[in-house]
Amino acid sequence: MFNYNPLDCLPSSAELPDSDDTPVDNELQILIPNLLLAILASIWQNRDDWFFGINMGIYHTPSTGAIVPDGFLSLGVERFVGENGRSSYVLWEEEGIPPILVLEVVSQTYNGEYEQKKIDYAELGILYYVIYAPTRLRRKRQRLEVYRLFEGKYILQLGDKIWMPEIGLGIGREQGTYQGRIREWLYWYDEYGNRYSTSEEQLQNLLARLQQQGIDPNTL
């Protein structure tokens, strides 16, 4: 007897466009989520049940185009898929698991981050929606806003560092250095409000400790 599986009729990630082809108009839209990914890759290096996408299309239904946030985090999925990785995040290939967090970095070209995208992400059931405006502060808006989904609506969370127990991480903004650039960045925090270090900072701290002990790093 022929067993019909409706999933076999759905397009695969290889057959779907991998983005909306809209170029970013500010390099911070790439640098900020890349920094968050780099820190995750360090603190969660022994875990393989997460994925962080950057400027990648999220497909939730076959008849609807992709939603492309600046960054997103999914838990309970494979970190690595195939030799070449994901081209898109397709819900019917991810056991229906939506991202638990999405990030939008507001650029000079406003793109509905505070209105339509909140509706779109809420409909997908994404638990946390993070909006960060690094280059300007919109009137009546905080530079960093973290929303949590409650009964189908996003509720603004109060505080400079927001702890997200379902993820096991907090998120906040702080002055720091990334790729030699000194400015305010987004970082992950532990439940006590301690910021997780970048790999660059970890290396600098190691070199400083070696120098204090009179050890030449070049001899190691």
N, C-alpha and C. Protein backbone atom coordinates (compact mmCIF):
# COMPACT_ATOMS: atom_id res chain seq x y z
N MET A 1 0.85 -1.19 0.00
CA MET A 1 0.00 0.00 0.00
C MET A 1 0.88 1.24 0.00
N PHE A 2 0.50 2.22 -0.78
CA PHE A 2 1.26 3.47 -0.88
C PHE A 2 0.97 4.34 0.33
N ASN A 3 2.03 4.77 1.03
CA ASN A 3 1.88 5.64 2.19
C ASN A 3 2.12 7.08 1.76
N TYR A 4 1.08 7.87 1.86
CA TYR A 4 1.17 9.27 1.44
C TYR A 4 1.65 10.13 2.59
N ASN A 5 2.71 10.87 2.36
CA ASN A 5 3.23 11.80 3.36
C ASN A 5 3.14 13.20 2.76
N PRO A 6 2.27 14.07 3.30
CA PRO A 6 2.11 15.41 2.72
C PRO A 6 3.38 16.23 2.75
N LEU A 7 4.31 15.93 3.67
CA LEU A 7 5.56 16.68 3.73
C LEU A 7 6.41 16.47 2.49
N ASP A 8 6.21 15.31 1.82
CA ASP A 8 6.98 15.05 0.61
C ASP A 8 6.61 15.99 -0.52
N CYS A 9 5.44 16.60 -0.43
CA CYS A 9 4.99 17.50 -1.48
C CYS A 9 5.41 18.94 -1.26
N LEU A 10 5.97 19.23 -0.11
CA LEU A 10 6.37 20.60 0.21
C LEU A 10 7.76 20.88 -0.35
N PRO A 11 8.01 22.12 -0.76
CA PRO A 11 9.35 22.45 -1.29
C PRO A 11 10.40 22.35 -0.19
N SER A 12 11.58 21.95 -0.57
CA SER A 12 12.68 21.85 0.38
C SER A 12 13.40 23.19 0.47
N SER A 13 14.28 23.33 1.45
CA SER A 13 15.05 24.56 1.61
C SER A 13 15.92 24.83 0.38
N ALA A 14 16.36 23.76 -0.30
CA ALA A 14 17.19 23.94 -1.48
C ALA A 14 16.40 24.53 -2.64
N GLU A 15 15.09 24.38 -2.61
CA GLU A 15 14.25 24.87 -3.70
C GLU A 15 13.68 26.26 -3.43
N LEU A 16 13.84 26.76 -2.21
CA LEU A 16 13.27 28.04 -1.83
C LEU A 16 14.33 29.13 -1.88
N PRO A 17 13.95 30.38 -2.19
CA PRO A 17 14.92 31.49 -2.13
C PRO A 17 15.50 31.59 -0.73
N ASP A 18 16.80 31.86 -0.65
CA ASP A 18 17.44 31.85 0.67
C ASP A 18 17.40 33.21 1.36
N SER A 19 16.85 34.25 0.71
CA SER A 19 16.67 35.56 1.34
C SER A 19 15.68 36.33 0.49
N ASP A 20 15.36 37.55 0.94
CA ASP A 20 14.47 38.38 0.13
C ASP A 20 15.24 39.31 -0.79
N ASP A 21 16.57 39.12 -0.84
CA ASP A 21 17.46 39.90 -1.70
C ASP A 21 17.46 41.39 -1.37
N THR A 22 16.98 41.76 -0.17
CA THR A 22 17.02 43.15 0.26
C THR A 22 18.36 43.40 0.94
N PRO A 23 19.19 44.30 0.41
CA PRO A 23 20.49 44.53 1.04
C PRO A 23 20.33 45.29 2.35
N VAL A 24 21.20 44.99 3.31
CA VAL A 24 21.21 45.78 4.54
C VAL A 24 21.78 47.15 4.22
N ASP A 25 21.31 48.17 4.94
CA ASP A 25 21.81 49.51 4.67
C ASP A 25 22.65 50.03 5.83
N ASN A 26 23.08 49.14 6.70
CA ASN A 26 23.96 49.51 7.79
C ASN A 26 24.74 48.26 8.19
N GLU A 27 26.06 48.35 8.25
CA GLU A 27 26.86 47.16 8.53
C GLU A 27 26.62 46.62 9.94
N LEU A 28 26.07 47.47 10.83
CA LEU A 28 25.77 46.98 12.17
C LEU A 28 24.69 45.91 12.15
N GLN A 29 23.87 45.89 11.12
CA GLN A 29 22.84 44.85 11.00
C GLN A 29 23.47 43.47 10.83
N ILE A 30 24.71 43.42 10.39
CA ILE A 30 25.44 42.16 10.27
C ILE A 30 26.37 41.95 11.46
N LEU A 31 27.07 43.02 11.88
CA LEU A 31 28.05 42.89 12.95
C LEU A 31 27.42 42.52 14.28
N ILE A 32 26.29 43.12 14.61
CA ILE A 32 25.67 42.88 15.91
C ILE A 32 25.22 41.44 16.06
N PRO A 33 24.43 40.87 15.12
CA PRO A 33 24.09 39.46 15.28
C PRO A 33 25.30 38.53 15.16
N ASN A 34 26.31 38.91 14.39
CA ASN A 34 27.52 38.08 14.31
C ASN A 34 28.23 38.01 15.65
N LEU A 35 28.24 39.11 16.39
CA LEU A 35 28.85 39.10 17.72
C LEU A 35 28.08 38.18 18.65
N LEU A 36 26.76 38.25 18.62
CA LEU A 36 25.95 37.37 19.46
C LEU A 36 26.19 35.91 19.11
N LEU A 37 26.29 35.60 17.82
CA LEU A 37 26.57 34.24 17.40
C LEU A 37 27.93 33.78 17.88
N ALA A 38 28.93 34.65 17.77
CA ALA A 38 30.29 34.27 18.18
C ALA A 38 30.35 33.94 19.67
N ILE A 39 29.62 34.70 20.48
CA ILE A 39 29.60 34.41 21.92
C ILE A 39 28.88 33.10 22.19
N LEU A 40 27.76 32.87 21.51
CA LEU A 40 27.04 31.61 21.67
C LEU A 40 27.92 30.42 21.31
N ALA A 41 28.67 30.56 20.22
CA ALA A 41 29.53 29.47 19.77
C ALA A 41 30.59 29.13 20.82
N SER A 42 30.90 30.10 21.68
CA SER A 42 31.87 29.87 22.74
C SER A 42 31.21 29.26 23.98
N ILE A 43 30.13 29.87 24.45
CA ILE A 43 29.53 29.40 25.70
C ILE A 43 28.70 28.13 25.51
N TRP A 44 28.23 27.89 24.29
CA TRP A 44 27.46 26.68 24.01
C TRP A 44 28.21 25.74 23.07
N GLN A 45 29.52 25.75 23.14
CA GLN A 45 30.32 24.97 22.19
C GLN A 45 30.10 23.47 22.32
N ASN A 46 29.64 23.01 23.48
CA ASN A 46 29.41 21.59 23.68
C ASN A 46 27.96 21.19 23.46
N ARG A 47 27.15 22.12 23.00
CA ARG A 47 25.75 21.82 22.71
C ARG A 47 25.53 21.77 21.20
N ASP A 48 24.67 20.89 20.76
CA ASP A 48 24.35 20.81 19.33
C ASP A 48 22.84 20.90 19.09
N ASP A 49 22.13 21.50 20.06
CA ASP A 49 20.67 21.58 19.96
C ASP A 49 20.19 23.01 19.77
N TRP A 50 20.98 23.81 19.06
CA TRP A 50 20.60 25.20 18.83
C TRP A 50 21.11 25.66 17.48
N PHE A 51 20.48 26.72 16.98
CA PHE A 51 20.91 27.32 15.72
C PHE A 51 20.65 28.81 15.78
N PHE A 52 21.62 29.60 15.33
CA PHE A 52 21.47 31.05 15.26
C PHE A 52 21.65 31.48 13.81
N GLY A 53 20.60 32.01 13.22
CA GLY A 53 20.63 32.45 11.83
C GLY A 53 20.81 33.95 11.71
N ILE A 54 21.49 34.38 10.67
CA ILE A 54 21.74 35.80 10.43
C ILE A 54 21.28 36.15 9.02
N ASN A 55 20.34 37.10 8.93
CA ASN A 55 19.82 37.55 7.64
C ASN A 55 19.38 36.36 6.79
N MET A 56 18.71 35.42 7.41
CA MET A 56 18.29 34.18 6.75
C MET A 56 16.77 34.12 6.71
N GLY A 57 16.23 33.64 5.61
CA GLY A 57 14.80 33.53 5.45
C GLY A 57 14.21 32.45 6.35
N ILE A 58 13.07 32.78 7.00
CA ILE A 58 12.30 31.83 7.78
C ILE A 58 11.01 31.55 7.02
N TYR A 59 10.82 30.30 6.61
CA TYR A 59 9.60 29.89 5.91
C TYR A 59 8.69 29.15 6.89
N HIS A 60 7.45 29.66 7.03
CA HIS A 60 6.53 29.03 7.96
C HIS A 60 5.37 28.32 7.27
N THR A 61 5.00 28.76 6.07
CA THR A 61 3.99 28.06 5.27
C THR A 61 4.45 28.08 3.81
N PRO A 62 4.14 27.03 3.04
CA PRO A 62 4.60 26.96 1.65
C PRO A 62 4.06 28.08 0.77
N SER A 63 2.88 28.61 1.10
CA SER A 63 2.24 29.61 0.25
C SER A 63 2.65 31.04 0.59
N THR A 64 3.49 31.20 1.60
CA THR A 64 3.88 32.53 2.06
C THR A 64 5.38 32.70 1.91
N GLY A 65 5.80 33.90 1.52
CA GLY A 65 7.22 34.17 1.39
C GLY A 65 7.93 34.17 2.73
N ALA A 66 9.22 34.23 2.66
CA ALA A 66 10.03 34.17 3.88
C ALA A 66 9.98 35.47 4.65
N ILE A 67 10.12 35.34 5.97
CA ILE A 67 10.38 36.47 6.85
C ILE A 67 11.88 36.45 7.13
N VAL A 68 12.53 37.60 7.00
CA VAL A 68 13.99 37.63 7.12
C VAL A 68 14.42 38.60 8.22
N PRO A 69 14.53 38.14 9.46
CA PRO A 69 15.02 39.01 10.54
C PRO A 69 16.53 39.17 10.44
N ASP A 70 17.06 40.13 11.17
CA ASP A 70 18.50 40.32 11.17
C ASP A 70 19.20 39.17 11.88
N GLY A 71 18.54 38.59 12.88
CA GLY A 71 19.08 37.43 13.57
C GLY A 71 17.97 36.68 14.26
N PHE A 72 18.18 35.39 14.47
CA PHE A 72 17.20 34.61 15.23
C PHE A 72 17.87 33.40 15.87
N LEU A 73 17.28 32.96 16.99
CA LEU A 73 17.79 31.81 17.73
C LEU A 73 16.70 30.75 17.84
N SER A 74 17.05 29.52 17.51
CA SER A 74 16.15 28.38 17.68
C SER A 74 16.79 27.38 18.62
N LEU A 75 15.97 26.78 19.48
CA LEU A 75 16.42 25.73 20.39
C LEU A 75 15.71 24.44 20.05
N GLY A 76 16.38 23.32 20.34
CA GLY A 76 15.77 22.02 20.08
C GLY A 76 15.87 21.59 18.63
N VAL A 77 16.78 22.20 17.87
CA VAL A 77 17.02 21.82 16.48
C VAL A 77 18.50 21.48 16.33
N GLU A 78 18.83 20.88 15.21
CA GLU A 78 20.24 20.55 14.96
C GLU A 78 21.04 21.82 14.67
N ARG A 79 22.20 21.90 15.31
CA ARG A 79 23.05 23.06 15.07
C ARG A 79 23.61 23.05 13.65
N PHE A 80 24.05 21.89 13.20
CA PHE A 80 24.63 21.76 11.87
C PHE A 80 23.78 20.82 11.03
N VAL A 81 23.46 21.24 9.83
CA VAL A 81 22.67 20.43 8.91
C VAL A 81 23.46 20.26 7.62
N GLY A 82 23.91 19.05 7.36
CA GLY A 82 24.66 18.79 6.14
C GLY A 82 26.01 19.48 6.11
N GLU A 83 26.72 19.23 5.06
CA GLU A 83 28.07 19.79 4.93
C GLU A 83 28.06 21.29 4.70
N ASN A 84 27.05 21.77 4.00
CA ASN A 84 26.99 23.19 3.63
C ASN A 84 26.08 24.01 4.53
N GLY A 85 25.40 23.38 5.48
CA GLY A 85 24.53 24.11 6.38
C GLY A 85 23.20 24.48 5.74
N ARG A 86 22.41 25.21 6.48
CA ARG A 86 21.10 25.64 5.99
C ARG A 86 21.22 26.80 5.01
N SER A 87 20.38 26.80 3.99
CA SER A 87 20.25 27.98 3.13
C SER A 87 19.09 28.85 3.60
N SER A 88 18.09 28.21 4.22
CA SER A 88 16.95 28.90 4.82
C SER A 88 16.51 28.09 6.03
N TYR A 89 15.69 28.71 6.87
CA TYR A 89 15.12 28.00 8.01
C TYR A 89 13.67 27.69 7.66
N VAL A 90 13.39 26.43 7.38
CA VAL A 90 12.09 25.99 6.88
C VAL A 90 11.40 25.20 7.98
N LEU A 91 10.28 25.69 8.48
CA LEU A 91 9.66 25.09 9.65
C LEU A 91 9.28 23.63 9.44
N TRP A 92 8.82 23.28 8.22
CA TRP A 92 8.43 21.88 8.02
C TRP A 92 9.63 20.96 7.88
N GLU A 93 10.84 21.51 7.84
CA GLU A 93 12.05 20.68 7.90
C GLU A 93 12.67 20.70 9.31
N GLU A 94 12.08 21.51 10.19
CA GLU A 94 12.61 21.66 11.55
C GLU A 94 11.61 21.15 12.59
N GLU A 95 10.80 20.16 12.18
CA GLU A 95 9.78 19.57 13.06
C GLU A 95 8.82 20.62 13.59
N GLY A 96 8.62 21.68 12.80
CA GLY A 96 7.66 22.72 13.17
C GLY A 96 8.13 23.63 14.28
N ILE A 97 9.42 23.60 14.61
CA ILE A 97 9.94 24.40 15.73
C ILE A 97 10.27 25.81 15.25
N PRO A 98 9.55 26.82 15.72
CA PRO A 98 9.87 28.20 15.33
C PRO A 98 11.05 28.73 16.15
N PRO A 99 11.69 29.78 15.73
CA PRO A 99 12.70 30.42 16.58
C PRO A 99 12.09 30.83 17.91
N ILE A 100 12.91 30.82 18.94
CA ILE A 100 12.44 31.27 20.24
C ILE A 100 12.72 32.76 20.43
N LEU A 101 13.64 33.29 19.61
CA LEU A 101 14.00 34.71 19.69
C LEU A 101 14.31 35.22 18.30
N VAL A 102 13.84 36.43 18.00
CA VAL A 102 14.25 37.11 16.78
C VAL A 102 14.81 38.49 17.15
N LEU A 103 15.74 38.95 16.35
CA LEU A 103 16.39 40.24 16.55
C LEU A 103 16.24 41.10 15.31
N GLU A 104 15.80 42.33 15.51
CA GLU A 104 15.79 43.32 14.44
C GLU A 104 16.65 44.50 14.86
N VAL A 105 17.61 44.85 14.01
CA VAL A 105 18.46 46.01 14.23
C VAL A 105 17.92 47.14 13.36
N VAL A 106 17.42 48.18 13.99
CA VAL A 106 16.77 49.28 13.27
C VAL A 106 17.84 50.10 12.57
N SER A 107 17.68 50.28 11.26
CA SER A 107 18.63 51.05 10.46
C SER A 107 18.06 52.42 10.17
N GLN A 108 18.76 53.17 9.35
CA GLN A 108 18.28 54.49 8.97
C GLN A 108 16.99 54.40 8.16
N THR A 109 16.80 53.28 7.48
CA THR A 109 15.56 53.07 6.72
C THR A 109 14.61 52.27 7.60
N TYR A 110 13.62 52.93 8.15
CA TYR A 110 12.68 52.28 9.05
C TYR A 110 11.85 51.26 8.28
N ASN A 111 11.66 50.09 8.88
CA ASN A 111 11.03 48.99 8.14
C ASN A 111 9.95 48.28 8.96
N GLY A 112 9.20 49.04 9.73
CA GLY A 112 8.07 48.46 10.45
C GLY A 112 8.42 47.56 11.61
N GLU A 113 9.62 47.78 12.20
CA GLU A 113 10.04 46.90 13.29
C GLU A 113 9.10 46.95 14.49
N TYR A 114 8.49 48.13 14.73
CA TYR A 114 7.66 48.29 15.92
C TYR A 114 6.18 48.00 15.66
N GLU A 115 5.82 47.76 14.41
CA GLU A 115 4.41 47.53 14.09
C GLU A 115 4.19 46.19 13.39
N GLN A 116 4.36 46.14 12.07
CA GLN A 116 4.01 44.95 11.31
C GLN A 116 4.83 43.73 11.71
N LYS A 117 6.11 43.94 11.95
CA LYS A 117 6.94 42.78 12.29
C LYS A 117 6.55 42.19 13.64
N LYS A 118 6.06 43.02 14.55
CA LYS A 118 5.57 42.48 15.82
C LYS A 118 4.37 41.55 15.58
N ILE A 119 3.53 41.93 14.65
CA ILE A 119 2.37 41.09 14.32
C ILE A 119 2.84 39.79 13.69
N ASP A 120 3.76 39.90 12.73
CA ASP A 120 4.24 38.71 12.01
C ASP A 120 4.90 37.71 12.96
N TYR A 121 5.76 38.20 13.83
CA TYR A 121 6.49 37.30 14.73
C TYR A 121 5.57 36.71 15.79
N ALA A 122 4.59 37.47 16.23
CA ALA A 122 3.62 36.94 17.19
C ALA A 122 2.82 35.81 16.57
N GLU A 123 2.45 35.96 15.30
CA GLU A 123 1.68 34.90 14.62
C GLU A 123 2.50 33.63 14.48
N LEU A 124 3.81 33.75 14.38
CA LEU A 124 4.68 32.58 14.30
C LEU A 124 4.89 31.93 15.67
N GLY A 125 4.49 32.62 16.73
CA GLY A 125 4.67 32.07 18.07
C GLY A 125 6.07 32.24 18.61
N ILE A 126 6.80 33.24 18.11
CA ILE A 126 8.17 33.49 18.56
C ILE A 126 8.10 34.16 19.94
N LEU A 127 8.73 33.53 20.93
CA LEU A 127 8.55 33.94 22.32
C LEU A 127 9.15 35.32 22.62
N TYR A 128 10.35 35.58 22.12
CA TYR A 128 11.02 36.85 22.41
C TYR A 128 11.31 37.62 21.12
N TYR A 129 10.98 38.89 21.15
CA TYR A 129 11.25 39.77 20.02
C TYR A 129 12.12 40.92 20.53
N VAL A 130 13.33 41.03 19.99
CA VAL A 130 14.31 42.02 20.42
C VAL A 130 14.48 43.06 19.32
N ILE A 131 14.31 44.33 19.68
CA ILE A 131 14.51 45.45 18.74
C ILE A 131 15.61 46.33 19.30
N TYR A 132 16.62 46.57 18.48
CA TYR A 132 17.75 47.40 18.90
C TYR A 132 17.96 48.49 17.87
N ALA A 133 18.02 49.74 18.35
CA ALA A 133 18.25 50.90 17.49
C ALA A 133 19.62 51.48 17.82
N PRO A 134 20.68 51.02 17.14
CA PRO A 134 22.04 51.40 17.54
C PRO A 134 22.49 52.78 17.10
N THR A 135 21.89 53.32 16.04
CA THR A 135 22.40 54.57 15.48
C THR A 135 21.53 55.78 15.79
N ARG A 136 20.34 55.55 16.26
CA ARG A 136 19.46 56.67 16.60
C ARG A 136 18.37 56.16 17.54
N LEU A 137 17.78 57.06 18.28
CA LEU A 137 16.73 56.69 19.20
C LEU A 137 15.42 57.29 18.72
N ARG A 138 14.49 56.43 18.35
CA ARG A 138 13.19 56.91 17.90
C ARG A 138 12.43 57.51 19.07
N ARG A 139 11.62 58.50 18.78
CA ARG A 139 10.86 59.18 19.81
C ARG A 139 10.00 58.17 20.58
N LYS A 140 10.05 58.29 21.91
CA LYS A 140 9.27 57.45 22.82
C LYS A 140 9.69 55.97 22.76
N ARG A 141 10.86 55.70 22.21
CA ARG A 141 11.34 54.33 22.14
C ARG A 141 12.66 54.20 22.89
N GLN A 142 12.85 53.06 23.56
CA GLN A 142 14.13 52.78 24.17
C GLN A 142 15.09 52.28 23.10
N ARG A 143 16.37 52.44 23.36
CA ARG A 143 17.35 51.98 22.38
C ARG A 143 17.28 50.46 22.22
N LEU A 144 17.06 49.76 23.33
CA LEU A 144 16.89 48.31 23.30
C LEU A 144 15.53 47.98 23.90
N GLU A 145 14.71 47.27 23.14
CA GLU A 145 13.41 46.84 23.63
C GLU A 145 13.30 45.32 23.46
N VAL A 146 12.95 44.65 24.53
CA VAL A 146 12.78 43.19 24.51
C VAL A 146 11.32 42.89 24.86
N TYR A 147 10.65 42.18 23.97
CA TYR A 147 9.25 41.84 24.17
C TYR A 147 9.13 40.33 24.39
N ARG A 148 8.19 39.97 25.26
CA ARG A 148 7.87 38.55 25.48
C ARG A 148 6.42 38.31 25.09
N LEU A 149 6.20 37.21 24.38
CA LEU A 149 4.86 36.89 23.91
C LEU A 149 4.01 36.35 25.07
N PHE A 150 2.83 36.95 25.25
CA PHE A 150 1.91 36.51 26.29
C PHE A 150 0.49 36.58 25.74
N GLU A 151 -0.15 35.42 25.66
CA GLU A 151 -1.51 35.31 25.13
C GLU A 151 -1.64 35.99 23.77
N GLY A 152 -0.64 35.73 22.92
CA GLY A 152 -0.69 36.21 21.54
C GLY A 152 -0.24 37.63 21.32
N LYS A 153 0.18 38.34 22.38
CA LYS A 153 0.62 39.72 22.24
C LYS A 153 1.98 39.90 22.90
N TYR A 154 2.77 40.82 22.35
CA TYR A 154 4.09 41.08 22.90
C TYR A 154 4.00 42.12 24.03
N ILE A 155 4.61 41.77 25.15
CA ILE A 155 4.66 42.64 26.32
C ILE A 155 6.10 43.10 26.52
N LEU A 156 6.29 44.42 26.59
CA LEU A 156 7.63 44.97 26.78
C LEU A 156 8.17 44.60 28.16
N GLN A 157 9.39 44.06 28.19
CA GLN A 157 10.05 43.71 29.43
C GLN A 157 10.87 44.90 29.92
N LEU A 158 10.85 45.14 31.21
CA LEU A 158 11.51 46.31 31.77
C LEU A 158 12.90 45.96 32.28
N GLY A 159 13.85 46.89 32.07
CA GLY A 159 15.21 46.70 32.55
C GLY A 159 16.24 46.85 31.45
N ASP A 160 17.48 47.10 31.86
CA ASP A 160 18.58 47.24 30.91
C ASP A 160 19.10 45.89 30.44
N LYS A 161 19.00 44.90 31.30
CA LYS A 161 19.38 43.53 30.95
C LYS A 161 18.18 42.64 31.23
N ILE A 162 17.73 41.93 30.23
CA ILE A 162 16.52 41.13 30.35
C ILE A 162 16.90 39.65 30.42
N TRP A 163 16.52 39.01 31.52
CA TRP A 163 16.76 37.58 31.69
C TRP A 163 15.64 36.81 31.01
N MET A 164 16.02 35.81 30.21
CA MET A 164 15.05 35.00 29.48
C MET A 164 15.19 33.55 29.94
N PRO A 165 14.41 33.13 30.93
CA PRO A 165 14.61 31.81 31.54
C PRO A 165 14.41 30.66 30.56
N GLU A 166 13.53 30.82 29.59
CA GLU A 166 13.30 29.74 28.63
C GLU A 166 14.53 29.49 27.75
N ILE A 167 15.38 30.49 27.63
CA ILE A 167 16.61 30.36 26.84
C ILE A 167 17.80 30.07 27.74
N GLY A 168 17.73 30.53 28.98
CA GLY A 168 18.86 30.37 29.89
C GLY A 168 19.91 31.44 29.68
N LEU A 169 19.50 32.57 29.12
CA LEU A 169 20.41 33.68 28.86
C LEU A 169 19.67 34.99 29.09
N GLY A 170 20.45 36.02 29.36
CA GLY A 170 19.93 37.37 29.35
C GLY A 170 20.51 38.11 28.17
N ILE A 171 19.89 39.24 27.81
CA ILE A 171 20.42 40.06 26.73
C ILE A 171 20.39 41.52 27.16
N GLY A 172 21.42 42.27 26.76
CA GLY A 172 21.50 43.67 27.14
C GLY A 172 22.51 44.38 26.27
N ARG A 173 22.69 45.66 26.53
CA ARG A 173 23.63 46.47 25.74
C ARG A 173 24.70 47.05 26.65
N GLU A 174 25.89 47.19 26.09
CA GLU A 174 27.02 47.64 26.89
C GLU A 174 28.14 48.08 25.96
N GLN A 175 28.94 49.05 26.44
CA GLN A 175 30.09 49.50 25.68
C GLN A 175 31.14 48.39 25.64
N GLY A 176 31.74 48.19 24.48
CA GLY A 176 32.76 47.16 24.36
C GLY A 176 33.50 47.27 23.05
N THR A 177 34.36 46.28 22.79
CA THR A 177 35.17 46.28 21.57
C THR A 177 34.91 44.99 20.82
N TYR A 178 34.61 45.12 19.53
CA TYR A 178 34.42 43.96 18.66
C TYR A 178 35.05 44.26 17.32
N GLN A 179 35.93 43.36 16.88
CA GLN A 179 36.69 43.54 15.64
C GLN A 179 37.40 44.90 15.63
N GLY A 180 37.90 45.30 16.79
CA GLY A 180 38.65 46.55 16.91
C GLY A 180 37.79 47.80 17.00
N ARG A 181 36.48 47.65 16.96
CA ARG A 181 35.58 48.81 16.97
C ARG A 181 35.01 48.99 18.38
N ILE A 182 35.22 50.17 18.95
CA ILE A 182 34.72 50.49 20.28
C ILE A 182 33.39 51.22 20.16
N ARG A 183 32.35 50.63 20.68
CA ARG A 183 31.02 51.23 20.65
C ARG A 183 30.10 50.39 21.55
N GLU A 184 28.84 50.74 21.57
CA GLU A 184 27.87 49.93 22.29
C GLU A 184 27.48 48.73 21.44
N TRP A 185 27.46 47.53 22.08
CA TRP A 185 27.07 46.31 21.40
C TRP A 185 26.01 45.58 22.22
N LEU A 186 25.37 44.62 21.62
CA LEU A 186 24.50 43.71 22.35
C LEU A 186 25.31 42.52 22.82
N TYR A 187 25.02 42.07 24.05
CA TYR A 187 25.73 40.94 24.63
C TYR A 187 24.74 40.00 25.31
N TRP A 188 25.20 38.75 25.52
CA TRP A 188 24.48 37.80 26.34
C TRP A 188 24.97 37.92 27.78
N TYR A 189 24.07 37.65 28.74
CA TYR A 189 24.39 37.74 30.17
C TYR A 189 23.91 36.48 30.88
N ASP A 190 24.54 36.18 32.03
CA ASP A 190 24.05 35.07 32.84
C ASP A 190 22.93 35.58 33.75
N GLU A 191 22.37 34.68 34.56
CA GLU A 191 21.21 35.04 35.38
C GLU A 191 21.54 36.06 36.47
N TYR A 192 22.85 36.27 36.75
CA TYR A 192 23.25 37.24 37.75
C TYR A 192 23.62 38.59 37.14
N GLY A 193 23.44 38.71 35.83
CA GLY A 193 23.74 39.97 35.16
C GLY A 193 25.18 40.12 34.73
N ASN A 194 25.95 39.02 34.78
CA ASN A 194 27.34 39.06 34.34
C ASN A 194 27.42 38.84 32.84
N ARG A 195 28.15 39.69 32.17
CA ARG A 195 28.26 39.59 30.72
C ARG A 195 29.20 38.47 30.32
N TYR A 196 28.81 37.71 29.30
CA TYR A 196 29.69 36.70 28.74
C TYR A 196 30.73 37.37 27.85
N SER A 197 31.97 36.94 27.98
CA SER A 197 33.07 37.54 27.25
C SER A 197 33.12 37.05 25.81
N THR A 198 33.67 37.88 24.94
CA THR A 198 33.92 37.47 23.57
C THR A 198 35.22 36.66 23.54
N SER A 199 35.46 35.97 22.44
CA SER A 199 36.70 35.21 22.31
C SER A 199 37.92 36.13 22.32
N GLU A 200 37.75 37.35 21.77
CA GLU A 200 38.85 38.32 21.78
C GLU A 200 39.20 38.70 23.22
N GLU A 201 38.17 38.94 24.02
CA GLU A 201 38.40 39.31 25.42
C GLU A 201 39.01 38.15 26.20
N GLN A 202 38.56 36.93 25.93
CA GLN A 202 39.12 35.77 26.61
C GLN A 202 40.60 35.62 26.30
N LEU A 203 40.98 35.86 25.04
CA LEU A 203 42.39 35.78 24.65
C LEU A 203 43.20 36.87 25.33
N GLN A 204 42.67 38.10 25.36
CA GLN A 204 43.37 39.20 26.00
C GLN A 204 43.56 38.93 27.49
N ASN A 205 42.54 38.37 28.14
CA ASN A 205 42.65 38.06 29.57
C ASN A 205 43.70 36.97 29.81
N LEU A 206 43.75 35.99 28.91
CA LEU A 206 44.74 34.93 29.04
C LEU A 206 46.15 35.48 28.89
N LEU A 207 46.35 36.33 27.90
CA LEU A 207 47.67 36.91 27.68
C LEU A 207 48.09 37.77 28.87
N ALA A 208 47.12 38.51 29.43
CA ALA A 208 47.43 39.35 30.58
C ALA A 208 47.85 38.49 31.78
N ARG A 209 47.18 37.36 32.01
CA ARG A 209 47.53 36.47 33.12
C ARG A 209 48.92 35.86 32.92
N LEU A 210 49.21 35.49 31.68
CA LEU A 210 50.53 34.92 31.40
C LEU A 210 51.63 35.95 31.65
N GLN A 211 51.38 37.19 31.25
CA GLN A 211 52.38 38.24 31.46
C GLN A 211 52.59 38.50 32.95
N GLN A 212 51.49 38.46 33.72
CA GLN A 212 51.61 38.66 35.17
C GLN A 212 52.44 37.55 35.81
N GLN A 213 52.38 36.36 35.22
CA GLN A 213 53.15 35.23 35.75
C GLN A 213 54.56 35.16 35.16
N GLY A 214 54.90 36.16 34.34
CA GLY A 214 56.23 36.19 33.75
C GLY A 214 56.44 35.18 32.64
N ILE A 215 55.36 34.75 32.01
CA ILE A 215 55.43 33.76 30.95
C ILE A 215 55.30 34.46 29.60
N ASP A 216 56.22 34.18 28.70
CA ASP A 216 56.15 34.73 27.35
C ASP A 216 55.20 33.87 26.52
N PRO A 217 54.05 34.42 26.07
CA PRO A 217 53.10 33.63 25.29
C PRO A 217 53.69 33.02 24.03
N ASN A 218 54.73 33.68 23.47
CA ASN A 218 55.34 33.19 22.23
C ASN A 218 56.11 31.87 22.42
N THR A 219 56.38 31.53 23.70
CA THR A 219 57.13 30.30 23.95
C THR A 219 56.20 29.10 24.12
N LEU A 220 54.88 29.34 24.17
CA LEU A 220 53.94 28.25 24.39
C LEU A 220 53.63 27.53 23.09
